[in-house]
C-alpha atoms as a PDB file:
ATOM      1  CA  UNK A   1      47.963  29.733  70.017  1.00  0.00           C
ATOM      2  CA  UNK A   2      44.960  32.024  69.939  1.00  0.00           C
ATOM      3  CA  UNK A   3      46.864  34.782  68.113  1.00  0.00           C
ATOM      4  CA  UNK A   4      48.105  32.498  65.300  1.00  0.00           C
ATOM      5  CA  UNK A   5      47.151  34.114  62.008  1.00  0.00           C
ATOM      6  CA  UNK A   6      47.561  33.269  58.357  1.00  0.00           C
ATOM      7  CA  UNK A   7      46.979  35.577  55.358  1.00  0.00           C
ATOM      8  CA  UNK A   8      43.326  36.140  54.453  1.00  0.00           C
ATOM      9  CA  UNK A   9      41.904  37.058  51.009  1.00  0.00           C
ATOM     10  CA  UNK A  10      42.271  40.708  52.009  1.00  0.00           C
ATOM     11  CA  UNK A  11      46.022  40.212  52.514  1.00  0.00           C
ATOM     12  CA  UNK A  12      46.620  38.550  49.157  1.00  0.00           C
ATOM     13  CA  UNK A  13      47.935  35.016  48.632  1.00  0.00           C
ATOM     14  CA  UNK A  14      50.234  33.360  51.132  1.00  0.00           C
ATOM     15  CA  UNK A  15      51.632  29.971  52.005  1.00  0.00           C
ATOM     16  CA  UNK A  16      54.132  27.821  50.171  1.00  0.00           C
ATOM     17  CA  UNK A  17      54.569  28.247  46.401  1.00  0.00           C
ATOM     18  CA  UNK A  18      52.633  26.060  43.966  1.00  0.00           C
ATOM     19  CA  UNK A  19      54.697  24.700  41.036  1.00  0.00           C
ATOM     20  CA  UNK A  20      53.551  25.638  37.530  1.00  0.00           C
ATOM     21  CA  UNK A  21      54.054  23.728  34.309  1.00  0.00           C
ATOM     22  CA  UNK A  22      52.863  24.067  30.716  1.00  0.00           C
ATOM     23  CA  UNK A  23      50.263  21.823  29.114  1.00  0.00           C
ATOM     24  CA  UNK A  24      52.979  20.446  26.848  1.00  0.00           C
ATOM     25  CA  UNK A  25      55.040  19.438  29.883  1.00  0.00           C
ATOM     26  CA  UNK A  26      51.957  17.912  31.472  1.00  0.00           C
ATOM     27  CA  UNK A  27      51.145  15.780  28.427  1.00  0.00           C
ATOM     28  CA  UNK A  28      54.794  14.719  28.173  1.00  0.00           C
ATOM     29  CA  UNK A  29      54.916  13.664  31.845  1.00  0.00           C
ATOM     30  CA  UNK A  30      51.362  12.349  31.976  1.00  0.00           C
ATOM     31  CA  UNK A  31      48.977  12.551  34.945  1.00  0.00           C
ATOM     32  CA  UNK A  32      50.698   9.638  36.705  1.00  0.00           C
ATOM     33  CA  UNK A  33      53.911  11.635  37.124  1.00  0.00           C
ATOM     34  CA  UNK A  34      52.020  14.318  39.046  1.00  0.00           C
ATOM     35  CA  UNK A  35      50.081  11.732  41.042  1.00  0.00           C
ATOM     36  CA  UNK A  36      53.340  10.094  42.130  1.00  0.00           C
ATOM     37  CA  UNK A  37      54.875  13.459  43.066  1.00  0.00           C
ATOM     38  CA  UNK A  38      51.839  14.074  45.323  1.00  0.00           C
ATOM     39  CA  UNK A  39      52.009  17.887  45.475  1.00  0.00           C
ATOM     40  CA  UNK A  40      49.588  20.436  43.985  1.00  0.00           C
ATOM     41  CA  UNK A  41      50.548  21.784  40.545  1.00  0.00           C
ATOM     42  CA  UNK A  42      49.045  24.426  38.243  1.00  0.00           C
ATOM     43  CA  UNK A  43      49.028  23.541  34.518  1.00  0.00           C
ATOM     44  CA  UNK A  44      48.610  26.298  31.920  1.00  0.00           C
ATOM     45  CA  UNK A  45      46.475  25.232  28.963  1.00  0.00           C
ATOM     46  CA  UNK A  46      47.565  26.209  25.434  1.00  0.00           C
ATOM     47  CA  UNK A  47      46.590  29.705  24.354  1.00  0.00           C
ATOM     48  CA  UNK A  48      43.451  29.640  22.221  1.00  0.00           C
ATOM     49  CA  UNK A  49      42.553  26.169  23.493  1.00  0.00           C
ATOM     50  CA  UNK A  50      40.844  27.001  26.772  1.00  0.00           C
ATOM     51  CA  UNK A  51      37.467  25.494  25.844  1.00  0.00           C
ATOM     52  CA  UNK A  52      34.016  27.019  26.114  1.00  0.00           C
ATOM     53  CA  UNK A  53      32.794  29.711  28.479  1.00  0.00           C
ATOM     54  CA  UNK A  54      29.243  30.423  29.608  1.00  0.00           C
ATOM     55  CA  UNK A  55      27.724  31.079  26.184  1.00  0.00           C
ATOM     56  CA  UNK A  56      29.262  28.001  24.615  1.00  0.00           C
ATOM     57  CA  UNK A  57      28.312  25.726  27.517  1.00  0.00           C
ATOM     58  CA  UNK A  58      24.757  27.089  27.551  1.00  0.00           C
ATOM     59  CA  UNK A  59      24.357  26.565  23.808  1.00  0.00           C
ATOM     60  CA  UNK A  60      25.692  23.007  23.866  1.00  0.00           C
ATOM     61  CA  UNK A  61      24.355  21.718  27.190  1.00  0.00           C
ATOM     62  CA  UNK A  62      21.411  24.007  27.996  1.00  0.00           C
ATOM     63  CA  UNK A  63      18.810  21.222  27.851  1.00  0.00           C
ATOM     64  CA  UNK A  64      20.832  18.823  30.002  1.00  0.00           C
ATOM     65  CA  UNK A  65      19.373  17.803  33.369  1.00  0.00           C
ATOM     66  CA  UNK A  66      21.732  18.868  36.157  1.00  0.00           C
ATOM     67  CA  UNK A  67      21.683  18.895  39.964  1.00  0.00           C
ATOM     68  CA  UNK A  68      21.217  22.221  41.746  1.00  0.00           C
ATOM     69  CA  UNK A  69      22.934  22.393  45.153  1.00  0.00           C
ATOM     70  CA  UNK A  70      21.462  25.020  47.490  1.00  0.00           C
ATOM     71  CA  UNK A  71      22.713  26.117  50.917  1.00  0.00           C
ATOM     72  CA  UNK A  72      22.728  29.264  53.095  1.00  0.00           C
ATOM     73  CA  UNK A  73      25.404  31.817  52.180  1.00  0.00           C
ATOM     74  CA  UNK A  74      27.246  31.233  55.455  1.00  0.00           C
ATOM     75  CA  UNK A  75      30.816  29.921  55.633  1.00  0.00           C
ATOM     76  CA  UNK A  76      30.024  28.460  59.063  1.00  0.00           C
ATOM     77  CA  UNK A  77      26.878  26.617  57.948  1.00  0.00           C
ATOM     78  CA  UNK A  78      26.808  23.206  59.655  1.00  0.00           C
ATOM     79  CA  UNK A  79      23.970  21.668  57.622  1.00  0.00           C
ATOM     80  CA  UNK A  80      24.188  19.665  54.417  1.00  0.00           C
ATOM     81  CA  UNK A  81      23.112  21.283  51.161  1.00  0.00           C
ATOM     82  CA  UNK A  82      19.793  20.399  49.553  1.00  0.00           C
ATOM     83  CA  UNK A  83      19.529  19.259  45.930  1.00  0.00           C
ATOM     84  CA  UNK A  84      17.014  19.128  43.122  1.00  0.00           C
ATOM     85  CA  UNK A  85      17.125  18.535  39.391  1.00  0.00           C
ATOM     86  CA  UNK A  86      16.743  21.383  36.895  1.00  0.00           C
ATOM     87  CA  UNK A  87      17.723  22.070  33.288  1.00  0.00           C
ATOM     88  CA  UNK A  88      21.053  23.852  32.923  1.00  0.00           C
ATOM     89  CA  UNK A  89      19.373  26.574  30.883  1.00  0.00           C
ATOM     90  CA  UNK A  90      17.221  27.454  33.909  1.00  0.00           C
ATOM     91  CA  UNK A  91      20.284  28.199  36.004  1.00  0.00           C
ATOM     92  CA  UNK A  92      21.690  30.583  33.407  1.00  0.00           C
ATOM     93  CA  UNK A  93      18.355  32.304  32.669  1.00  0.00           C
ATOM     94  CA  UNK A  94      16.917  32.677  36.202  1.00  0.00           C
ATOM     95  CA  UNK A  95      18.671  35.607  37.895  1.00  0.00           C
ATOM     96  CA  UNK A  96      17.435  34.473  41.325  1.00  0.00           C
ATOM     97  CA  UNK A  97      19.955  31.635  41.268  1.00  0.00           C
ATOM     98  CA  UNK A  98      22.797  34.169  41.094  1.00  0.00           C
ATOM     99  CA  UNK A  99      21.387  37.115  43.047  1.00  0.00           C
ATOM    100  CA  UNK A 100      19.780  35.734  46.202  1.00  0.00           C
ATOM    101  CA  UNK A 101      21.977  37.284  48.966  1.00  0.00           C
ATOM    102  CA  UNK A 102      21.026  34.611  51.501  1.00  0.00           C
ATOM    103  CA  UNK A 103      21.631  31.553  49.331  1.00  0.00           C
ATOM    104  CA  UNK A 104      24.503  29.922  47.494  1.00  0.00           C
ATOM    105  CA  UNK A 105      23.538  27.924  44.409  1.00  0.00           C
ATOM    106  CA  UNK A 106      25.808  25.695  42.383  1.00  0.00           C
ATOM    107  CA  UNK A 107      25.311  23.241  39.552  1.00  0.00           C
ATOM    108  CA  UNK A 108      26.977  19.813  39.562  1.00  0.00           C
ATOM    109  CA  UNK A 109      26.695  17.099  36.945  1.00  0.00           C
ATOM    110  CA  UNK A 110      28.940  14.094  36.337  1.00  0.00           C
ATOM    111  CA  UNK A 111      29.124  14.082  32.525  1.00  0.00           C
ATOM    112  CA  UNK A 112      31.443  11.064  32.349  1.00  0.00           C
ATOM    113  CA  UNK A 113      29.114   9.333  29.889  1.00  0.00           C
ATOM    114  CA  UNK A 114      29.143  12.299  27.481  1.00  0.00           C
ATOM    115  CA  UNK A 115      32.737  12.270  26.124  1.00  0.00           C
ATOM    116  CA  UNK A 116      31.912  14.360  23.042  1.00  0.00           C
ATOM    117  CA  UNK A 117      30.533  17.104  25.284  1.00  0.00           C
ATOM    118  CA  UNK A 118      33.535  16.892  27.619  1.00  0.00           C
ATOM    119  CA  UNK A 119      35.965  17.297  24.717  1.00  0.00           C
ATOM    120  CA  UNK A 120      33.939  20.098  23.140  1.00  0.00           C
ATOM    121  CA  UNK A 121      33.719  22.256  26.249  1.00  0.00           C
ATOM    122  CA  UNK A 122      37.392  21.696  27.147  1.00  0.00           C
ATOM    123  CA  UNK A 123      38.929  21.905  23.686  1.00  0.00           C
ATOM    124  CA  UNK A 124      41.129  18.797  23.955  1.00  0.00           C
ATOM    125  CA  UNK A 125      40.833  14.998  24.132  1.00  0.00           C
ATOM    126  CA  UNK A 126      40.293  14.516  27.855  1.00  0.00           C
ATOM    127  CA  UNK A 127      39.632  10.754  27.686  1.00  0.00           C
ATOM    128  CA  UNK A 128      43.091  10.135  26.261  1.00  0.00           C
ATOM    129  CA  UNK A 129      44.695  12.000  29.147  1.00  0.00           C
ATOM    130  CA  UNK A 130      42.535  10.988  32.091  1.00  0.00           C
ATOM    131  CA  UNK A 131      40.740   7.721  31.235  1.00  0.00           C
ATOM    132  CA  UNK A 132      37.848   9.178  33.245  1.00  0.00           C
ATOM    133  CA  UNK A 133      35.232   6.659  32.061  1.00  0.00           C
ATOM    134  CA  UNK A 134      36.591   3.886  34.282  1.00  0.00           C
ATOM    135  CA  UNK A 135      34.472   2.761  37.223  1.00  0.00           C
ATOM    136  CA  UNK A 136      34.450   5.230  40.140  1.00  0.00           C
ATOM    137  CA  UNK A 137      36.081   7.986  38.072  1.00  0.00           C
ATOM    138  CA  UNK A 138      34.153  11.144  37.209  1.00  0.00           C
ATOM    139  CA  UNK A 139      34.080  14.155  34.903  1.00  0.00           C
ATOM    140  CA  UNK A 140      32.125  16.818  36.788  1.00  0.00           C
ATOM    141  CA  UNK A 141      30.717  20.066  35.459  1.00  0.00           C
ATOM    142  CA  UNK A 142      30.593  22.725  38.207  1.00  0.00           C
ATOM    143  CA  UNK A 143      28.883  26.105  37.808  1.00  0.00           C
ATOM    144  CA  UNK A 144      28.546  28.671  40.570  1.00  0.00           C
ATOM    145  CA  UNK A 145      28.069  32.383  41.149  1.00  0.00           C
ATOM    146  CA  UNK A 146      30.233  34.911  42.996  1.00  0.00           C
ATOM    147  CA  UNK A 147      30.841  34.165  46.665  1.00  0.00           C
ATOM    148  CA  UNK A 148      29.906  30.475  46.646  1.00  0.00           C
ATOM    149  CA  UNK A 149      32.195  28.804  49.172  1.00  0.00           C
ATOM    150  CA  UNK A 150      33.133  25.147  49.555  1.00  0.00           C
ATOM    151  CA  UNK A 151      34.085  24.346  53.149  1.00  0.00           C
ATOM    152  CA  UNK A 152      37.345  22.600  54.033  1.00  0.00           C
ATOM    153  CA  UNK A 153      37.365  18.897  53.128  1.00  0.00           C
ATOM    154  CA  UNK A 154      39.407  16.217  51.341  1.00  0.00           C
ATOM    155  CA  UNK A 155      38.660  14.007  48.304  1.00  0.00           C
ATOM    156  CA  UNK A 156      39.289  10.278  48.111  1.00  0.00           C
ATOM    157  CA  UNK A 157      40.139  10.620  44.406  1.00  0.00           C
ATOM    158  CA  UNK A 158      42.882  12.390  42.460  1.00  0.00           C
ATOM    159  CA  UNK A 159      41.517  15.737  41.272  1.00  0.00           C
ATOM    160  CA  UNK A 160      42.335  17.650  38.065  1.00  0.00           C
ATOM    161  CA  UNK A 161      40.269  20.863  38.046  1.00  0.00           C
ATOM    162  CA  UNK A 162      40.018  23.054  34.921  1.00  0.00           C
ATOM    163  CA  UNK A 163      38.706  26.633  34.995  1.00  0.00           C
ATOM    164  CA  UNK A 164      36.673  27.578  31.907  1.00  0.00           C
ATOM    165  CA  UNK A 165      35.185  30.868  33.092  1.00  0.00           C
ATOM    166  CA  UNK A 166      35.703  32.912  36.254  1.00  0.00           C
ATOM    167  CA  UNK A 167      38.354  32.652  38.960  1.00  0.00           C
ATOM    168  CA  UNK A 168      38.376  30.536  42.117  1.00  0.00           C
ATOM    169  CA  UNK A 169      40.528  31.011  45.196  1.00  0.00           C
ATOM    170  CA  UNK A 170      41.791  27.749  46.698  1.00  0.00           C
ATOM    171  CA  UNK A 171      43.410  27.093  50.056  1.00  0.00           C
ATOM    172  CA  UNK A 172      45.173  23.718  50.155  1.00  0.00           C
ATOM    173  CA  UNK A 173      46.752  21.868  53.079  1.00  0.00           C
ATOM    174  CA  UNK A 174      48.671  18.561  53.182  1.00  0.00           C
ATOM    175  CA  UNK A 175      47.207  15.188  54.143  1.00  0.00           C
ATOM    176  CA  UNK A 176      46.335  14.384  57.720  1.00  0.00           C
ATOM    177  CA  UNK A 177      43.296  13.429  59.738  1.00  0.00           C
ATOM    178  CA  UNK A 178      43.093  14.063  63.464  1.00  0.00           C
ATOM    179  CA  UNK A 179      45.006  17.344  63.142  1.00  0.00           C
ATOM    180  CA  UNK A 180      42.065  18.650  61.088  1.00  0.00           C
ATOM    181  CA  UNK A 181      39.420  17.783  63.702  1.00  0.00           C
ATOM    182  CA  UNK A 182      37.088  15.831  61.374  1.00  0.00           C
ATOM    183  CA  UNK A 183      33.370  16.295  61.798  1.00  0.00           C
ATOM    184  CA  UNK A 184      30.875  13.555  62.667  1.00  0.00           C
ATOM    185  CA  UNK A 185      31.610  10.255  60.928  1.00  0.00           C
ATOM    186  CA  UNK A 186      28.186   8.846  61.764  1.00  0.00           C
ATOM    187  CA  UNK A 187      26.526  11.743  59.940  1.00  0.00           C
ATOM    188  CA  UNK A 188      28.677  11.264  56.827  1.00  0.00           C
ATOM    189  CA  UNK A 189      30.920  14.288  57.460  1.00  0.00           C
ATOM    190  CA  UNK A 190      34.198  12.475  58.133  1.00  0.00           C
ATOM    191  CA  UNK A 191      35.856  14.093  55.100  1.00  0.00           C
ATOM    192  CA  UNK A 192      35.106  17.598  56.440  1.00  0.00           C
ATOM    193  CA  UNK A 193      36.839  19.622  59.155  1.00  0.00           C
ATOM    194  CA  UNK A 194      35.186  21.237  62.160  1.00  0.00           C
ATOM    195  CA  UNK A 195      37.228  24.293  61.171  1.00  0.00           C
ATOM    196  CA  UNK A 196      34.969  25.122  58.235  1.00  0.00           C
ATOM    197  CA  UNK A 197      37.101  28.027  56.934  1.00  0.00           C
ATOM    198  CA  UNK A 198      40.903  27.846  57.064  1.00  0.00           C
ATOM    199  CA  UNK A 199      41.018  31.657  56.904  1.00  0.00           C
ATOM    200  CA  UNK A 200      39.027  31.948  60.142  1.00  0.00           C
ATOM    201  CA  UNK A 201      40.206  29.354  62.681  1.00  0.00           C
ATOM    202  CA  UNK A 202      39.564  29.388  66.413  1.00  0.00           C
ATOM    203  CA  UNK A 203      43.061  28.389  67.509  1.00  0.00           C
ATOM    204  CA  UNK A 204      41.998  27.829  71.103  1.00  0.00           C
ATOM    205  CA  UNK A 205      39.661  25.051  69.879  1.00  0.00           C
ATOM    206  CA  UNK A 206      41.857  23.678  67.070  1.00  0.00           C
ATOM    207  CA  UNK A 207      45.510  24.119  68.107  1.00  0.00           C
ATOM    208  CA  UNK A 208      46.827  21.034  66.246  1.00  0.00           C
ATOM    209  CA  UNK A 209      45.668  22.520  62.942  1.00  0.00           C
ATOM    210  CA  UNK A 210      48.399  25.190  63.066  1.00  0.00           C
ATOM    211  CA  UNK A 211      51.172  22.770  62.062  1.00  0.00           C
ATOM    212  CA  UNK A 212      49.231  21.736  58.958  1.00  0.00           C
ATOM    213  CA  UNK A 213      48.210  25.241  57.902  1.00  0.00           C
ATOM    214  CA  UNK A 214      51.835  26.350  58.217  1.00  0.00           C
ATOM    215  CA  UNK A 215      52.273  24.188  55.080  1.00  0.00           C
ATOM    216  CA  UNK A 216      49.266  25.601  53.276  1.00  0.00           C
ATOM    217  CA  UNK A 217      49.216  26.643  49.628  1.00  0.00           C
ATOM    218  CA  UNK A 218      47.012  29.422  48.300  1.00  0.00           C
ATOM    219  CA  UNK A 219      46.207  30.125  44.676  1.00  0.00           C
ATOM    220  CA  UNK A 220      43.701  31.731  42.355  1.00  0.00           C
ATOM    221  CA  UNK A 221      42.790  29.400  39.506  1.00  0.00           C
ATOM    222  CA  UNK A 222      42.308  31.464  36.345  1.00  0.00           C
ATOM    223  CA  UNK A 223      40.410  30.514  33.168  1.00  0.00           C
ATOM    224  CA  UNK A 224      42.720  28.467  30.968  1.00  0.00           C
ATOM    225  CA  UNK A 225      44.436  26.843  33.957  1.00  0.00           C
ATOM    226  CA  UNK A 226      44.184  23.378  35.491  1.00  0.00           C
ATOM    227  CA  UNK A 227      44.907  22.511  39.119  1.00  0.00           C
ATOM    228  CA  UNK A 228      46.175  19.097  40.125  1.00  0.00           C
ATOM    229  CA  UNK A 229      44.986  18.446  43.693  1.00  0.00           C
ATOM    230  CA  UNK A 230      46.279  15.181  45.178  1.00  0.00           C
ATOM    231  CA  UNK A 231      44.078  12.618  46.886  1.00  0.00           C
ATOM    232  CA  UNK A 232      43.729  13.267  50.604  1.00  0.00           C
ATOM    233  CA  UNK A 233      44.863  16.913  50.491  1.00  0.00           C
ATOM    234  CA  UNK A 234      42.518  19.216  52.387  1.00  0.00           C
ATOM    235  CA  UNK A 235      41.130  22.182  50.492  1.00  0.00           C
ATOM    236  CA  UNK A 236      38.470  24.850  50.296  1.00  0.00           C
ATOM    237  CA  UNK A 237      37.412  27.014  47.357  1.00  0.00           C
ATOM    238  CA  UNK A 238      35.609  30.305  46.797  1.00  0.00           C
ATOM    239  CA  UNK A 239      34.155  31.636  43.527  1.00  0.00           C
ATOM    240  CA  UNK A 240      35.434  35.162  42.843  1.00  0.00           C
ATOM    241  CA  UNK A 241      33.566  36.203  39.680  1.00  0.00           C
ATOM    242  CA  UNK A 242      29.943  36.591  38.659  1.00  0.00           C
ATOM    243  CA  UNK A 243      29.959  33.206  36.934  1.00  0.00           C
ATOM    244  CA  UNK A 244      32.407  30.356  37.518  1.00  0.00           C
ATOM    245  CA  UNK A 245      32.481  27.285  35.263  1.00  0.00           C
ATOM    246  CA  UNK A 246      34.861  24.411  35.947  1.00  0.00           C
ATOM    247  CA  UNK A 247      35.268  20.821  34.858  1.00  0.00           C
ATOM    248  CA  UNK A 248      37.123  18.465  37.151  1.00  0.00           C
ATOM    249  CA  UNK A 249      38.220  14.869  36.756  1.00  0.00           C
ATOM    250  CA  UNK A 250      38.222  12.541  39.762  1.00  0.00           C
ATOM    251  CA  UNK A 251      40.484   9.537  39.228  1.00  0.00           C
ATOM    252  CA  UNK A 252      40.892   6.531  41.520  1.00  0.00           C
ATOM    253  CA  UNK A 253      44.448   5.564  42.397  1.00  0.00           C
ATOM    254  CA  UNK A 254      46.134   2.931  44.619  1.00  0.00           C
ATOM    255  CA  UNK A 255      47.648   5.783  46.642  1.00  0.00           C
ATOM    256  CA  UNK A 256      44.493   5.620  48.755  1.00  0.00           C
ATOM    257  CA  UNK A 257      45.782   2.414  50.390  1.00  0.00           C
ATOM    258  CA  UNK A 258      48.696   4.425  51.804  1.00  0.00           C
ATOM    259  CA  UNK A 259      46.196   6.767  53.479  1.00  0.00           C
ATOM    260  CA  UNK A 260      43.913   4.397  55.372  1.00  0.00           C
ATOM    261  CA  UNK A 261      41.886   7.205  56.975  1.00  0.00           C
ATOM    262  CA  UNK A 262      40.937   8.399  53.475  1.00  0.00           C
ATOM    263  CA  UNK A 263      39.937   4.875  52.402  1.00  0.00           C
ATOM    264  CA  UNK A 264      37.948   4.247  55.575  1.00  0.00           C
ATOM    265  CA  UNK A 265      36.074   7.546  55.382  1.00  0.00           C
ATOM    266  CA  UNK A 266      35.416   7.045  51.655  1.00  0.00           C
ATOM    267  CA  UNK A 267      33.872   3.596  52.171  1.00  0.00           C
ATOM    268  CA  UNK A 268      31.727   4.744  55.070  1.00  0.00           C
ATOM    269  CA  UNK A 269      30.633   7.957  53.314  1.00  0.00           C
ATOM    270  CA  UNK A 270      29.650   6.064  50.141  1.00  0.00           C
ATOM    271  CA  UNK A 271      27.540   3.671  52.208  1.00  0.00           C
ATOM    272  CA  UNK A 272      26.005   6.539  54.194  1.00  0.00           C
ATOM    273  CA  UNK A 273      25.072   8.469  51.058  1.00  0.00           C
ATOM    274  CA  UNK A 274      23.506   5.423  49.419  1.00  0.00           C
ATOM    275  CA  UNK A 275      21.511   4.599  52.555  1.00  0.00           C
ATOM    276  CA  UNK A 276      20.336   8.184  53.085  1.00  0.00           C
ATOM    277  CA  UNK A 277      19.786   9.010  49.412  1.00  0.00           C
ATOM    278  CA  UNK A 278      22.349  11.830  49.435  1.00  0.00           C
ATOM    279  CA  UNK A 279      23.672  12.994  46.054  1.00  0.00           C
ATOM    280  CA  UNK A 280      26.659  10.776  45.187  1.00  0.00           C
ATOM    281  CA  UNK A 281      27.978  12.069  41.812  1.00  0.00           C
ATOM    282  CA  UNK A 282      26.640   9.200  39.738  1.00  0.00           C
ATOM    283  CA  UNK A 283      27.042   9.802  35.990  1.00  0.00           C
ATOM    284  CA  UNK A 284      24.282  11.709  34.224  1.00  0.00           C
ATOM    285  CA  UNK A 285      22.496  10.020  31.354  1.00  0.00           C
ATOM    286  CA  UNK A 286      24.157  10.529  27.997  1.00  0.00           C
ATOM    287  CA  UNK A 287      22.122  12.546  25.504  1.00  0.00           C
ATOM    288  CA  UNK A 288      20.203  10.404  23.010  1.00  0.00           C
END
């Protein structure tokens, strides 16, 4: 097993193909059709309707309070990120947030309670499509600089991720639990794998992971594209350009009851985060 190898970013994209559909097909089918199909899909947004990039987001939301996530620039980092609140304008204007070689910085803000801003930065009526203002759902604004890496994990919610500026490379793998060697449940890491980077796996330590990664999908999400990532699918992401801006919608769905490990980890992690005061993606305050 130790010589098992899958394509790395240097080799180009590998894995199974990811279906692609147009935005018109997506709106005709509706999100529920993709959720029922339960496989990743790339949706191409209409030309000229890709929403706002950096300048537009900065102009509209620059004074908004957002959460800055900071962690060492190390794909094998075993510690949790630290967070603090800043104004979005600070992130864009302070070059240190983008140029510190030893640190990854990213902005996260759940703007669910700001539907006018969501529609403006996307360029279409997102509430009509996603009903994201329901309890437990989210509309998250993500901003990161080149190289920022999100370690392998799964979400307990259906995920529709839209790229506004910059490209992100995703590695996706199908649902499972013990095959992924989950990290410590008691420390709130049950949704994360001990194999932090699916491009760099110690097969002697994690042999059962090979069967899952044989079914992996790889893609680069371009501006003007949306990725549907099903609940419970494992994934990691890496920002490829100087500035990456994405909006994603997390939607609750009864599918979680068919994946009891996802439900169990989600309940425990929510309780752990509340008890420990860890950032939990609560909606930001709407602008007055």
